[in-house]
Amino acid sequence: MASEPTSKAGSQIRVGLIGVGNWAKHGHLRVLDLLPDYKVTAVYSQRSEASREVAREYGIKKRGAVGKRAGQSS
């Protein structure tokens, strides 16, 4: 039995990723890009250049860097 899409007709589930390491780049982003019910709308990373590269490659408009949590060492 085929499963029905979970989103309303004509709408997509918007996804934001925090962290753009190997799993995100070679797994999550590639798969989400293939699924018509999903759209990655934002990516964030501790390194702004990493989020910029991924955003450019996948046409994602919102990107940026997130700071380290309080008490986290370098």
PDB file of N, CA and C in Angstrom:
ATOM      1  N   MET A   1       0.840  -1.168   0.000  1.00  0.00           N
ATOM      2  CA  MET A   1       0.000   0.000   0.000  1.00  0.00           C
ATOM      3  C   MET A   1       0.892   1.241   0.000  1.00  0.00           C
ATOM      4  N   ALA A   2       0.685   2.148  -0.939  1.00  0.00           N
ATOM      5  CA  ALA A   2       1.473   3.376  -1.019  1.00  0.00           C
ATOM      6  C   ALA A   2       1.027   4.347   0.063  1.00  0.00           C
ATOM      7  N   SER A   3       1.981   5.046   0.646  1.00  0.00           N
ATOM      8  CA  SER A   3       1.628   6.012   1.689  1.00  0.00           C
ATOM      9  C   SER A   3       1.291   7.362   1.056  1.00  0.00           C
ATOM     10  N   GLU A   4       0.379   8.061   1.672  1.00  0.00           N
ATOM     11  CA  GLU A   4      -0.040   9.383   1.206  1.00  0.00           C
ATOM     12  C   GLU A   4       0.946  10.436   1.694  1.00  0.00           C
ATOM     13  N   PRO A   5       1.208  11.491   0.913  1.00  0.00           N
ATOM     14  CA  PRO A   5       2.041  12.585   1.403  1.00  0.00           C
ATOM     15  C   PRO A   5       1.367  13.236   2.608  1.00  0.00           C
ATOM     16  N   THR A   6       2.181  13.674   3.576  1.00  0.00           N
ATOM     17  CA  THR A   6       1.629  14.241   4.797  1.00  0.00           C
ATOM     18  C   THR A   6       1.336  15.730   4.695  1.00  0.00           C
ATOM     19  N   SER A   7       1.873  16.406   3.702  1.00  0.00           N
ATOM     20  CA  SER A   7       1.645  17.843   3.585  1.00  0.00           C
ATOM     21  C   SER A   7       0.396  18.126   2.757  1.00  0.00           C
ATOM     22  N   LYS A   8      -0.155  19.328   2.931  1.00  0.00           N
ATOM     23  CA  LYS A   8      -1.316  19.738   2.137  1.00  0.00           C
ATOM     24  C   LYS A   8      -0.898  19.881   0.687  1.00  0.00           C
ATOM     25  N   ALA A   9      -1.848  19.694  -0.210  1.00  0.00           N
ATOM     26  CA  ALA A   9      -1.552  19.811  -1.639  1.00  0.00           C
ATOM     27  C   ALA A   9      -0.970  21.179  -1.947  1.00  0.00           C
ATOM     28  N   GLY A  10       0.146  21.212  -2.632  1.00  0.00           N
ATOM     29  CA  GLY A  10       0.767  22.463  -3.036  1.00  0.00           C
ATOM     30  C   GLY A  10       1.663  23.100  -1.995  1.00  0.00           C
ATOM     31  N   SER A  11       1.741  22.541  -0.797  1.00  0.00           N
ATOM     32  CA  SER A  11       2.616  23.121   0.213  1.00  0.00           C
ATOM     33  C   SER A  11       3.752  22.160   0.532  1.00  0.00           C
ATOM     34  N   GLN A  12       4.823  22.717   1.067  1.00  0.00           N
ATOM     35  CA  GLN A  12       5.976  21.904   1.415  1.00  0.00           C
ATOM     36  C   GLN A  12       6.256  22.044   2.907  1.00  0.00           C
ATOM     37  N   ILE A  13       6.878  21.034   3.458  1.00  0.00           N
ATOM     38  CA  ILE A  13       7.343  21.081   4.833  1.00  0.00           C
ATOM     39  C   ILE A  13       8.692  21.784   4.812  1.00  0.00           C
ATOM     40  N   ARG A  14       8.781  22.884   5.528  1.00  0.00           N
ATOM     41  CA  ARG A  14      10.028  23.659   5.551  1.00  0.00           C
ATOM     42  C   ARG A  14      10.944  23.131   6.646  1.00  0.00           C
ATOM     43  N   VAL A  15      12.224  22.980   6.299  1.00  0.00           N
ATOM     44  CA  VAL A  15      13.210  22.391   7.200  1.00  0.00           C
ATOM     45  C   VAL A  15      14.377  23.350   7.356  1.00  0.00           C
ATOM     46  N   GLY A  16      14.870  23.479   8.569  1.00  0.00           N
ATOM     47  CA  GLY A  16      16.090  24.225   8.841  1.00  0.00           C
ATOM     48  C   GLY A  16      17.100  23.289   9.481  1.00  0.00           C
ATOM     49  N   LEU A  17      18.358  23.397   9.085  1.00  0.00           N
ATOM     50  CA  LEU A  17      19.411  22.545   9.637  1.00  0.00           C
ATOM     51  C   LEU A  17      20.378  23.375  10.461  1.00  0.00           C
ATOM     52  N   ILE A  18      20.716  22.866  11.620  1.00  0.00           N
ATOM     53  CA  ILE A  18      21.768  23.465  12.433  1.00  0.00           C
ATOM     54  C   ILE A  18      22.918  22.476  12.422  1.00  0.00           C
ATOM     55  N   GLY A  19      24.000  22.901  11.829  1.00  0.00           N
ATOM     56  CA  GLY A  19      25.154  22.031  11.654  1.00  0.00           C
ATOM     57  C   GLY A  19      25.184  21.515  10.219  1.00  0.00           C
ATOM     58  N   VAL A  20      26.290  21.729   9.540  1.00  0.00           N
ATOM     59  CA  VAL A  20      26.405  21.302   8.144  1.00  0.00           C
ATOM     60  C   VAL A  20      27.672  20.467   7.951  1.00  0.00           C
ATOM     61  N   GLY A  21      27.827  19.484   8.807  1.00  0.00           N
ATOM     62  CA  GLY A  21      28.954  18.564   8.705  1.00  0.00           C
ATOM     63  C   GLY A  21      28.712  17.518   7.631  1.00  0.00           C
ATOM     64  N   ASN A  22      29.484  16.445   7.678  1.00  0.00           N
ATOM     65  CA  ASN A  22      29.397  15.400   6.653  1.00  0.00           C
ATOM     66  C   ASN A  22      28.022  14.765   6.550  1.00  0.00           C
ATOM     67  N   TRP A  23      27.374  14.454   7.692  1.00  0.00           N
ATOM     68  CA  TRP A  23      26.037  13.853   7.638  1.00  0.00           C
ATOM     69  C   TRP A  23      25.056  14.783   6.953  1.00  0.00           C
ATOM     70  N   ALA A  24      25.113  16.049   7.281  1.00  0.00           N
ATOM     71  CA  ALA A  24      24.183  17.008   6.672  1.00  0.00           C
ATOM     72  C   ALA A  24      24.453  17.148   5.174  1.00  0.00           C
ATOM     73  N   LYS A  25      25.721  17.331   4.807  1.00  0.00           N
ATOM     74  CA  LYS A  25      26.061  17.559   3.398  1.00  0.00           C
ATOM     75  C   LYS A  25      25.853  16.327   2.518  1.00  0.00           C
ATOM     76  N   HIS A  26      26.266  15.176   3.007  1.00  0.00           N
ATOM     77  CA  HIS A  26      26.242  13.978   2.162  1.00  0.00           C
ATOM     78  C   HIS A  26      25.039  13.086   2.415  1.00  0.00           C
ATOM     79  N   GLY A  27      24.224  13.428   3.389  1.00  0.00           N
ATOM     80  CA  GLY A  27      23.052  12.623   3.693  1.00  0.00           C
ATOM     81  C   GLY A  27      21.785  13.457   3.666  1.00  0.00           C
ATOM     82  N   HIS A  28      21.572  14.217   4.713  1.00  0.00           N
ATOM     83  CA  HIS A  28      20.307  14.935   4.889  1.00  0.00           C
ATOM     84  C   HIS A  28      19.982  15.878   3.733  1.00  0.00           C
ATOM     85  N   LEU A  29      20.919  16.728   3.342  1.00  0.00           N
ATOM     86  CA  LEU A  29      20.635  17.705   2.281  1.00  0.00           C
ATOM     87  C   LEU A  29      20.360  17.034   0.939  1.00  0.00           C
ATOM     88  N   ARG A  30      21.133  16.030   0.601  1.00  0.00           N
ATOM     89  CA  ARG A  30      20.926  15.341  -0.679  1.00  0.00           C
ATOM     90  C   ARG A  30      19.559  14.671  -0.728  1.00  0.00           C
ATOM     91  N   VAL A  31      19.191  14.005   0.356  1.00  0.00           N
ATOM     92  CA  VAL A  31      17.904  13.301   0.386  1.00  0.00           C
ATOM     93  C   VAL A  31      16.751  14.299   0.396  1.00  0.00           C
ATOM     94  N   LEU A  32      16.827  15.318   1.243  1.00  0.00           N
ATOM     95  CA  LEU A  32      15.746  16.303   1.302  1.00  0.00           C
ATOM     96  C   LEU A  32      15.568  17.012  -0.033  1.00  0.00           C
ATOM     97  N   ASP A  33      16.648  17.206  -0.759  1.00  0.00           N
ATOM     98  CA  ASP A  33      16.583  17.843  -2.077  1.00  0.00           C
ATOM     99  C   ASP A  33      15.807  16.980  -3.074  1.00  0.00           C
ATOM    100  N   LEU A  34      15.797  15.677  -2.861  1.00  0.00           N
ATOM    101  CA  LEU A  34      15.088  14.753  -3.757  1.00  0.00           C
ATOM    102  C   LEU A  34      13.606  14.595  -3.421  1.00  0.00           C
ATOM    103  N   LEU A  35      13.211  14.967  -2.217  1.00  0.00           N
ATOM    104  CA  LEU A  35      11.838  14.762  -1.761  1.00  0.00           C
ATOM    105  C   LEU A  35      10.990  16.007  -2.013  1.00  0.00           C
ATOM    106  N   PRO A  36       9.978  15.912  -2.865  1.00  0.00           N
ATOM    107  CA  PRO A  36       9.199  17.095  -3.241  1.00  0.00           C
ATOM    108  C   PRO A  36       8.364  17.694  -2.103  1.00  0.00           C
ATOM    109  N   ASP A  37       8.089  16.932  -1.059  1.00  0.00           N
ATOM    110  CA  ASP A  37       7.287  17.458   0.052  1.00  0.00           C
ATOM    111  C   ASP A  37       8.104  18.299   1.031  1.00  0.00           C
ATOM    112  N   TYR A  38       9.428  18.354   0.847  1.00  0.00           N
ATOM    113  CA  TYR A  38      10.303  19.063   1.782  1.00  0.00           C
ATOM    114  C   TYR A  38      11.095  20.149   1.078  1.00  0.00           C
ATOM    115  N   LYS A  39      11.358  21.244   1.811  1.00  0.00           N
ATOM    116  CA  LYS A  39      12.203  22.317   1.295  1.00  0.00           C
ATOM    117  C   LYS A  39      13.091  22.813   2.432  1.00  0.00           C
ATOM    118  N   VAL A  40      14.399  22.757   2.235  1.00  0.00           N
ATOM    119  CA  VAL A  40      15.330  23.284   3.229  1.00  0.00           C
ATOM    120  C   VAL A  40      15.358  24.796   3.045  1.00  0.00           C
ATOM    121  N   THR A  41      14.983  25.517   4.094  1.00  0.00           N
ATOM    122  CA  THR A  41      14.869  26.972   3.990  1.00  0.00           C
ATOM    123  C   THR A  41      15.953  27.719   4.748  1.00  0.00           C
ATOM    124  N   ALA A  42      16.710  27.024   5.616  1.00  0.00           N
ATOM    125  CA  ALA A  42      17.753  27.701   6.382  1.00  0.00           C
ATOM    126  C   ALA A  42      18.818  26.702   6.816  1.00  0.00           C
ATOM    127  N   VAL A  43      20.064  27.159   6.841  1.00  0.00           N
ATOM    128  CA  VAL A  43      21.178  26.366   7.363  1.00  0.00           C
ATOM    129  C   VAL A  43      22.035  27.244   8.258  1.00  0.00           C
ATOM    130  N   TYR A  44      22.454  26.675   9.356  1.00  0.00           N
ATOM    131  CA  TYR A  44      23.312  27.393  10.297  1.00  0.00           C
ATOM    132  C   TYR A  44      24.432  26.474  10.743  1.00  0.00           C
ATOM    133  N   SER A  45      25.575  27.071  11.027  1.00  0.00           N
ATOM    134  CA  SER A  45      26.755  26.328  11.444  1.00  0.00           C
ATOM    135  C   SER A  45      27.567  27.212  12.387  1.00  0.00           C
ATOM    136  N   GLN A  46      28.473  26.614  13.144  1.00  0.00           N
ATOM    137  CA  GLN A  46      29.390  27.427  13.946  1.00  0.00           C
ATOM    138  C   GLN A  46      30.331  28.213  13.042  1.00  0.00           C
ATOM    139  N   ARG A  47      30.585  27.688  11.862  1.00  0.00           N
ATOM    140  CA  ARG A  47      31.461  28.367  10.901  1.00  0.00           C
ATOM    141  C   ARG A  47      30.607  28.978   9.788  1.00  0.00           C
ATOM    142  N   SER A  48      30.615  30.286   9.687  1.00  0.00           N
ATOM    143  CA  SER A  48      29.772  30.952   8.691  1.00  0.00           C
ATOM    144  C   SER A  48      30.138  30.554   7.262  1.00  0.00           C
ATOM    145  N   GLU A  49      31.419  30.276   7.016  1.00  0.00           N
ATOM    146  CA  GLU A  49      31.814  29.882   5.649  1.00  0.00           C
ATOM    147  C   GLU A  49      31.213  28.526   5.272  1.00  0.00           C
ATOM    148  N   ALA A  50      31.037  27.641   6.239  1.00  0.00           N
ATOM    149  CA  ALA A  50      30.430  26.332   5.958  1.00  0.00           C
ATOM    150  C   ALA A  50      28.957  26.492   5.581  1.00  0.00           C
ATOM    151  N   SER A  51      28.227  27.314   6.318  1.00  0.00           N
ATOM    152  CA  SER A  51      26.812  27.513   5.994  1.00  0.00           C
ATOM    153  C   SER A  51      26.665  28.273   4.674  1.00  0.00           C
ATOM    154  N   ARG A  52      27.569  29.185   4.389  1.00  0.00           N
ATOM    155  CA  ARG A  52      27.528  29.929   3.125  1.00  0.00           C
ATOM    156  C   ARG A  52      27.726  28.985   1.933  1.00  0.00           C
ATOM    157  N   GLU A  53      28.679  28.065   2.050  1.00  0.00           N
ATOM    158  CA  GLU A  53      28.963  27.117   0.966  1.00  0.00           C
ATOM    159  C   GLU A  53      27.755  26.217   0.690  1.00  0.00           C
ATOM    160  N   VAL A  54      27.169  25.678   1.742  1.00  0.00           N
ATOM    161  CA  VAL A  54      26.009  24.792   1.593  1.00  0.00           C
ATOM    162  C   VAL A  54      24.816  25.567   1.040  1.00  0.00           C
ATOM    163  N   ALA A  55      24.598  26.775   1.538  1.00  0.00           N
ATOM    164  CA  ALA A  55      23.475  27.597   1.070  1.00  0.00           C
ATOM    165  C   ALA A  55      23.611  27.887  -0.425  1.00  0.00           C
ATOM    166  N   ARG A  56      24.810  28.194  -0.858  1.00  0.00           N
ATOM    167  CA  ARG A  56      25.048  28.472  -2.282  1.00  0.00           C
ATOM    168  C   ARG A  56      24.797  27.215  -3.128  1.00  0.00           C
ATOM    169  N   GLU A  57      25.283  26.085  -2.666  1.00  0.00           N
ATOM    170  CA  GLU A  57      25.150  24.833  -3.420  1.00  0.00           C
ATOM    171  C   GLU A  57      23.688  24.387  -3.567  1.00  0.00           C
ATOM    172  N   TYR A  58      22.880  24.608  -2.528  1.00  0.00           N
ATOM    173  CA  TYR A  58      21.497  24.132  -2.554  1.00  0.00           C
ATOM    174  C   TYR A  58      20.464  25.240  -2.736  1.00  0.00           C
ATOM    175  N   GLY A  59      20.887  26.460  -2.989  1.00  0.00           N
ATOM    176  CA  GLY A  59      19.954  27.550  -3.227  1.00  0.00           C
ATOM    177  C   GLY A  59      19.137  27.931  -1.994  1.00  0.00           C
ATOM    178  N   ILE A  60      19.762  27.861  -0.825  1.00  0.00           N
ATOM    179  CA  ILE A  60      19.087  28.182   0.433  1.00  0.00           C
ATOM    180  C   ILE A  60      19.347  29.649   0.756  1.00  0.00           C
ATOM    181  N   LYS A  61      18.278  30.398   1.014  1.00  0.00           N
ATOM    182  CA  LYS A  61      18.415  31.843   1.197  1.00  0.00           C
ATOM    183  C   LYS A  61      18.866  32.249   2.600  1.00  0.00           C
ATOM    184  N   LYS A  62      18.399  31.553   3.620  1.00  0.00           N
ATOM    185  CA  LYS A  62      18.763  31.915   4.985  1.00  0.00           C
ATOM    186  C   LYS A  62      19.925  31.060   5.441  1.00  0.00           C
ATOM    187  N   ARG A  63      20.965  31.724   5.911  1.00  0.00           N
ATOM    188  CA  ARG A  63      22.139  31.007   6.395  1.00  0.00           C
ATOM    189  C   ARG A  63      22.833  31.874   7.428  1.00  0.00           C
ATOM    190  N   GLY A  64      23.666  31.264   8.222  1.00  0.00           N
ATOM    191  CA  GLY A  64      24.398  32.041   9.200  1.00  0.00           C
ATOM    192  C   GLY A  64      25.186  31.155  10.136  1.00  0.00           C
ATOM    193  N   ALA A  65      25.746  31.810  11.144  1.00  0.00           N
ATOM    194  CA  ALA A  65      26.552  31.118  12.141  1.00  0.00           C
ATOM    195  C   ALA A  65      25.859  31.232  13.492  1.00  0.00           C
ATOM    196  N   VAL A  66      25.963  30.179  14.261  1.00  0.00           N
ATOM    197  CA  VAL A  66      25.437  30.192  15.622  1.00  0.00           C
ATOM    198  C   VAL A  66      26.613  30.184  16.576  1.00  0.00           C
ATOM    199  N   GLY A  67      26.496  30.928  17.655  1.00  0.00           N
ATOM    200  CA  GLY A  67      27.577  30.998  18.638  1.00  0.00           C
ATOM    201  C   GLY A  67      27.655  29.744  19.484  1.00  0.00           C
ATOM    202  N   LYS A  68      28.754  29.614  20.172  1.00  0.00           N
ATOM    203  CA  LYS A  68      28.928  28.483  21.069  1.00  0.00           C
ATOM    204  C   LYS A  68      28.101  28.701  22.317  1.00  0.00           C
ATOM    205  N   ARG A  69      27.662  27.603  22.920  1.00  0.00           N
ATOM    206  CA  ARG A  69      26.882  27.696  24.147  1.00  0.00           C
ATOM    207  C   ARG A  69      27.759  28.165  25.290  1.00  0.00           C
ATOM    208  N   ALA A  70      27.124  28.781  26.258  1.00  0.00           N
ATOM    209  CA  ALA A  70      27.848  29.228  27.448  1.00  0.00           C
ATOM    210  C   ALA A  70      28.539  28.045  28.118  1.00  0.00           C
ATOM    211  N   GLY A  71      29.786  28.207  28.463  1.00  0.00           N
ATOM    212  CA  GLY A  71      30.519  27.160  29.128  1.00  0.00           C
ATOM    213  C   GLY A  71      31.171  26.149  28.210  1.00  0.00           C
ATOM    214  N   GLN A  72      30.953  26.256  26.912  1.00  0.00           N
ATOM    215  CA  GLN A  72      31.542  25.313  25.957  1.00  0.00           C
ATOM    216  C   GLN A  72      32.975  25.749  25.660  1.00  0.00           C
ATOM    217  N   SER A  73      33.899  24.812  25.718  1.00  0.00           N
ATOM    218  CA  SER A  73      35.286  25.152  25.437  1.00  0.00           C
ATOM    219  C   SER A  73      35.551  25.179  23.937  1.00  0.00           C
ATOM    220  N   SER A  74      36.648  25.808  23.555  1.00  0.00           N
ATOM    221  CA  SER A  74      36.992  25.955  22.131  1.00  0.00           C
ATOM    222  C   SER A  74      37.399  24.677  21.506  1.00  0.00           C
TER     223      SER A  74
END
